[in-house]
Amino acid sequence: EVITFSEADYEGVRLPHDDPVVVTLLMELFTMNRILLDSGSSGDILYKHAFDQLRIPADQLKPVKTPLVGFAGKTIHPLGSIKLSVVAGTAPCQTQVEMT
């Protein structure tokens, strides 16, 4: 699905801009607010606090051996990976995908 923006979405935005895009998504039947879309990133990251709020047992995480390296060079070892159902949009313009 193509994501489009109307003139109303540009209210208060000075063009050209490089502002981050922040959305709300339905994830595993829970509404997740303040999701940052980073089109330059190759990783979909869910912080532990958000994962805990989904109340998914930690034993459903699959081990991950590849560390993540941040912009400051700090290395972080993920707790694991998991596939989650994500719904974006509202009916009738809605899509559901499974994300890792």
N, C-alpha and C. Protein backbone atom coordinates (compact mmCIF):
# COMPACT_ATOMS: atom_id res chain seq x y z
N GLU A 1 0.83 -1.18 0.00
CA GLU A 1 0.00 0.00 0.00
C GLU A 1 0.88 1.25 0.00
N VAL A 2 0.46 2.22 -0.76
CA VAL A 2 1.15 3.49 -0.81
C VAL A 2 0.66 4.36 0.35
N ILE A 3 1.59 4.96 1.08
CA ILE A 3 1.23 5.88 2.15
C ILE A 3 1.27 7.29 1.57
N THR A 4 0.17 8.03 1.70
CA THR A 4 0.12 9.38 1.17
C THR A 4 -0.22 10.36 2.29
N PHE A 5 0.10 11.62 2.07
CA PHE A 5 -0.16 12.66 3.03
C PHE A 5 -0.95 13.77 2.36
N SER A 6 -1.89 14.35 3.07
CA SER A 6 -2.69 15.44 2.54
C SER A 6 -2.07 16.77 2.95
N GLU A 7 -2.63 17.86 2.43
CA GLU A 7 -2.16 19.20 2.81
C GLU A 7 -2.30 19.42 4.32
N ALA A 8 -3.33 18.84 4.93
CA ALA A 8 -3.53 18.99 6.38
C ALA A 8 -2.37 18.38 7.17
N ASP A 9 -1.74 17.34 6.63
CA ASP A 9 -0.61 16.71 7.31
C ASP A 9 0.62 17.61 7.35
N TYR A 10 0.68 18.58 6.43
CA TYR A 10 1.83 19.48 6.35
C TYR A 10 1.65 20.74 7.19
N GLU A 11 0.55 20.84 7.90
CA GLU A 11 0.29 22.03 8.71
C GLU A 11 1.40 22.21 9.74
N GLY A 12 2.02 23.38 9.73
CA GLY A 12 3.08 23.68 10.68
C GLY A 12 4.45 23.15 10.29
N VAL A 13 4.57 22.51 9.15
CA VAL A 13 5.85 21.95 8.70
C VAL A 13 6.48 22.90 7.68
N ARG A 14 7.73 23.27 7.91
CA ARG A 14 8.44 24.12 6.95
C ARG A 14 9.15 23.22 5.94
N LEU A 15 8.84 23.43 4.67
CA LEU A 15 9.42 22.61 3.60
C LEU A 15 10.65 23.29 3.03
N PRO A 16 11.65 22.58 2.53
CA PRO A 16 11.78 21.13 2.66
C PRO A 16 12.10 20.74 4.11
N HIS A 17 11.81 19.52 4.47
CA HIS A 17 12.02 19.09 5.85
C HIS A 17 12.65 17.69 5.88
N ASP A 18 13.24 17.37 7.01
CA ASP A 18 13.76 16.02 7.24
C ASP A 18 13.28 15.53 8.61
N ASP A 19 12.07 15.96 8.96
CA ASP A 19 11.49 15.56 10.23
C ASP A 19 11.23 14.05 10.27
N PRO A 20 11.36 13.44 11.43
CA PRO A 20 11.03 12.02 11.52
C PRO A 20 9.52 11.83 11.40
N VAL A 21 9.13 10.66 10.92
CA VAL A 21 7.72 10.31 10.83
C VAL A 21 7.40 9.41 12.02
N VAL A 22 6.40 9.78 12.81
CA VAL A 22 5.99 9.02 13.97
C VAL A 22 4.54 8.63 13.78
N VAL A 23 4.25 7.33 13.94
CA VAL A 23 2.89 6.83 13.71
C VAL A 23 2.40 6.01 14.89
N THR A 24 1.13 5.66 14.84
CA THR A 24 0.52 4.75 15.79
C THR A 24 0.12 3.49 15.03
N LEU A 25 0.44 2.32 15.57
CA LEU A 25 0.10 1.05 14.93
C LEU A 25 -0.58 0.13 15.93
N LEU A 26 -1.35 -0.80 15.43
CA LEU A 26 -1.95 -1.85 16.24
C LEU A 26 -1.03 -3.06 16.14
N MET A 27 -0.45 -3.47 17.27
CA MET A 27 0.50 -4.57 17.28
C MET A 27 0.02 -5.64 18.26
N GLU A 28 -0.25 -6.82 17.74
CA GLU A 28 -0.74 -7.92 18.58
C GLU A 28 -1.94 -7.47 19.41
N LEU A 29 -2.86 -6.73 18.80
CA LEU A 29 -4.10 -6.24 19.40
C LEU A 29 -3.89 -5.16 20.45
N PHE A 30 -2.69 -4.59 20.53
CA PHE A 30 -2.41 -3.46 21.42
C PHE A 30 -2.03 -2.26 20.57
N THR A 31 -2.53 -1.09 20.94
CA THR A 31 -2.18 0.14 20.23
C THR A 31 -0.82 0.62 20.71
N MET A 32 0.11 0.75 19.78
CA MET A 32 1.47 1.22 20.09
C MET A 32 1.59 2.64 19.55
N ASN A 33 1.84 3.59 20.43
CA ASN A 33 1.99 5.00 20.04
C ASN A 33 3.45 5.37 19.90
N ARG A 34 3.69 6.46 19.20
CA ARG A 34 5.03 7.04 19.04
C ARG A 34 6.03 6.07 18.41
N ILE A 35 5.64 5.44 17.31
CA ILE A 35 6.53 4.55 16.58
C ILE A 35 7.28 5.40 15.56
N LEU A 36 8.60 5.40 15.63
CA LEU A 36 9.43 6.17 14.72
C LEU A 36 9.71 5.34 13.47
N LEU A 37 9.38 5.91 12.31
CA LEU A 37 9.71 5.28 11.04
C LEU A 37 11.04 5.83 10.58
N ASP A 38 12.01 4.95 10.40
CA ASP A 38 13.34 5.35 9.96
C ASP A 38 13.63 4.57 8.69
N SER A 39 13.41 5.21 7.55
CA SER A 39 13.60 4.51 6.28
C SER A 39 15.06 4.18 6.00
N GLY A 40 15.98 4.75 6.77
CA GLY A 40 17.39 4.46 6.57
C GLY A 40 17.88 3.31 7.43
N SER A 41 17.02 2.74 8.25
CA SER A 41 17.41 1.67 9.15
C SER A 41 17.03 0.32 8.56
N SER A 42 17.84 -0.68 8.82
CA SER A 42 17.51 -2.02 8.34
C SER A 42 16.97 -2.90 9.46
N GLY A 43 16.78 -2.33 10.63
CA GLY A 43 16.28 -3.11 11.76
C GLY A 43 14.97 -2.57 12.30
N ASP A 44 14.08 -3.49 12.66
CA ASP A 44 12.84 -3.12 13.33
C ASP A 44 13.04 -3.45 14.80
N ILE A 45 13.11 -2.42 15.63
CA ILE A 45 13.47 -2.60 17.04
C ILE A 45 12.29 -2.31 17.94
N LEU A 46 12.03 -3.22 18.86
CA LEU A 46 11.00 -3.06 19.88
C LEU A 46 11.73 -3.08 21.22
N TYR A 47 11.62 -1.98 21.95
CA TYR A 47 12.31 -1.92 23.25
C TYR A 47 11.66 -2.87 24.24
N LYS A 48 12.44 -3.35 25.20
CA LYS A 48 11.97 -4.34 26.17
C LYS A 48 10.73 -3.87 26.93
N HIS A 49 10.67 -2.59 27.28
CA HIS A 49 9.52 -2.07 28.00
C HIS A 49 8.24 -2.27 27.18
N ALA A 50 8.29 -1.98 25.90
CA ALA A 50 7.13 -2.17 25.03
C ALA A 50 6.82 -3.66 24.88
N PHE A 51 7.84 -4.48 24.73
CA PHE A 51 7.65 -5.93 24.63
C PHE A 51 6.97 -6.47 25.88
N ASP A 52 7.41 -6.02 27.04
CA ASP A 52 6.81 -6.46 28.31
C ASP A 52 5.34 -6.08 28.38
N GLN A 53 4.98 -4.91 27.88
CA GLN A 53 3.59 -4.47 27.91
C GLN A 53 2.69 -5.30 27.00
N LEU A 54 3.27 -5.94 25.99
CA LEU A 54 2.50 -6.83 25.12
C LEU A 54 2.16 -8.15 25.82
N ARG A 55 2.83 -8.41 26.93
CA ARG A 55 2.61 -9.62 27.74
C ARG A 55 2.83 -10.92 26.94
N ILE A 56 3.82 -10.89 26.10
CA ILE A 56 4.21 -12.08 25.35
C ILE A 56 5.31 -12.77 26.16
N PRO A 57 5.19 -14.07 26.41
CA PRO A 57 6.23 -14.76 27.18
C PRO A 57 7.60 -14.64 26.52
N ALA A 58 8.62 -14.34 27.30
CA ALA A 58 9.97 -14.16 26.78
C ALA A 58 10.51 -15.42 26.11
N ASP A 59 9.96 -16.58 26.47
CA ASP A 59 10.46 -17.82 25.85
C ASP A 59 10.04 -17.93 24.38
N GLN A 60 9.21 -17.00 23.89
CA GLN A 60 8.84 -16.99 22.48
C GLN A 60 9.88 -16.25 21.62
N LEU A 61 10.82 -15.58 22.29
CA LEU A 61 11.90 -14.92 21.55
C LEU A 61 12.86 -15.96 21.00
N LYS A 62 13.24 -15.77 19.74
CA LYS A 62 14.24 -16.65 19.13
C LYS A 62 15.61 -16.00 19.30
N PRO A 63 16.64 -16.80 19.62
CA PRO A 63 17.97 -16.23 19.83
C PRO A 63 18.48 -15.47 18.61
N VAL A 64 19.22 -14.39 18.87
CA VAL A 64 19.85 -13.59 17.82
C VAL A 64 21.32 -13.47 18.18
N LYS A 65 22.19 -13.81 17.24
CA LYS A 65 23.63 -13.76 17.51
C LYS A 65 24.28 -12.48 17.02
N THR A 66 23.58 -11.72 16.17
CA THR A 66 24.15 -10.51 15.59
C THR A 66 23.90 -9.31 16.49
N PRO A 67 24.97 -8.64 16.95
CA PRO A 67 24.77 -7.44 17.79
C PRO A 67 24.34 -6.25 16.93
N LEU A 68 23.75 -5.25 17.57
CA LEU A 68 23.40 -3.99 16.92
C LEU A 68 24.40 -2.94 17.34
N VAL A 69 24.81 -2.10 16.40
CA VAL A 69 25.75 -1.04 16.70
C VAL A 69 25.08 0.30 16.42
N GLY A 70 25.03 1.16 17.44
CA GLY A 70 24.38 2.47 17.32
C GLY A 70 25.28 3.49 16.66
N PHE A 71 24.73 4.70 16.47
CA PHE A 71 25.48 5.78 15.84
C PHE A 71 26.73 6.15 16.63
N ALA A 72 26.67 6.04 17.95
CA ALA A 72 27.81 6.39 18.79
C ALA A 72 28.83 5.26 18.88
N GLY A 73 28.55 4.14 18.19
CA GLY A 73 29.47 3.01 18.20
C GLY A 73 29.23 2.03 19.33
N LYS A 74 28.21 2.27 20.16
CA LYS A 74 27.91 1.37 21.27
C LYS A 74 27.26 0.09 20.73
N THR A 75 27.72 -1.05 21.21
CA THR A 75 27.19 -2.34 20.78
C THR A 75 26.12 -2.82 21.77
N ILE A 76 25.00 -3.26 21.23
CA ILE A 76 23.89 -3.77 22.03
C ILE A 76 23.57 -5.17 21.54
N HIS A 77 23.37 -6.09 22.49
CA HIS A 77 23.01 -7.46 22.13
C HIS A 77 21.50 -7.65 22.33
N PRO A 78 20.76 -7.86 21.24
CA PRO A 78 19.30 -8.04 21.36
C PRO A 78 18.96 -9.25 22.23
N LEU A 79 17.81 -9.18 22.90
CA LEU A 79 17.34 -10.30 23.70
C LEU A 79 16.85 -11.43 22.80
N GLY A 80 16.46 -11.09 21.57
CA GLY A 80 15.99 -12.09 20.63
C GLY A 80 15.13 -11.45 19.56
N SER A 81 14.52 -12.29 18.72
CA SER A 81 13.61 -11.79 17.70
C SER A 81 12.29 -12.54 17.80
N ILE A 82 11.25 -11.92 17.28
CA ILE A 82 9.91 -12.51 17.34
C ILE A 82 9.10 -11.96 16.17
N LYS A 83 8.18 -12.75 15.65
CA LYS A 83 7.27 -12.28 14.61
C LYS A 83 6.00 -11.79 15.27
N LEU A 84 5.57 -10.57 14.90
CA LEU A 84 4.38 -9.96 15.47
C LEU A 84 3.46 -9.49 14.35
N SER A 85 2.17 -9.60 14.58
CA SER A 85 1.17 -9.10 13.65
C SER A 85 1.01 -7.59 13.87
N VAL A 86 1.10 -6.81 12.77
CA VAL A 86 1.01 -5.36 12.84
C VAL A 86 -0.06 -4.87 11.86
N VAL A 87 -0.96 -4.01 12.35
CA VAL A 87 -2.00 -3.43 11.51
C VAL A 87 -1.74 -1.94 11.39
N ALA A 88 -1.70 -1.44 10.15
CA ALA A 88 -1.51 -0.01 9.90
C ALA A 88 -2.71 0.52 9.15
N GLY A 89 -3.15 1.72 9.54
CA GLY A 89 -4.27 2.36 8.86
C GLY A 89 -5.59 2.03 9.52
N THR A 90 -6.64 2.61 8.96
CA THR A 90 -7.99 2.34 9.42
C THR A 90 -8.83 1.89 8.23
N ALA A 91 -9.78 1.03 8.50
CA ALA A 91 -10.63 0.51 7.43
C ALA A 91 -11.32 1.66 6.71
N PRO A 92 -11.44 1.62 5.43
CA PRO A 92 -11.12 0.55 4.50
C PRO A 92 -9.68 0.60 3.99
N CYS A 93 -8.90 1.60 4.38
CA CYS A 93 -7.50 1.72 3.95
C CYS A 93 -6.60 1.17 5.04
N GLN A 94 -6.51 -0.13 5.11
CA GLN A 94 -5.82 -0.80 6.20
C GLN A 94 -5.01 -1.96 5.64
N THR A 95 -3.88 -2.23 6.26
CA THR A 95 -3.10 -3.38 5.88
C THR A 95 -2.58 -4.08 7.14
N GLN A 96 -2.46 -5.39 7.05
CA GLN A 96 -1.93 -6.18 8.16
C GLN A 96 -0.75 -6.97 7.65
N VAL A 97 0.37 -6.87 8.37
CA VAL A 97 1.58 -7.58 7.99
C VAL A 97 2.18 -8.26 9.21
N GLU A 98 3.01 -9.24 8.96
CA GLU A 98 3.75 -9.88 10.03
C GLU A 98 5.18 -9.38 9.96
N MET A 99 5.66 -8.82 11.07
CA MET A 99 7.01 -8.25 11.10
C MET A 99 7.88 -9.01 12.10
N THR A 100 9.15 -9.08 11.83
CA THR A 100 10.11 -9.69 12.75
C THR A 100 10.79 -8.60 13.52
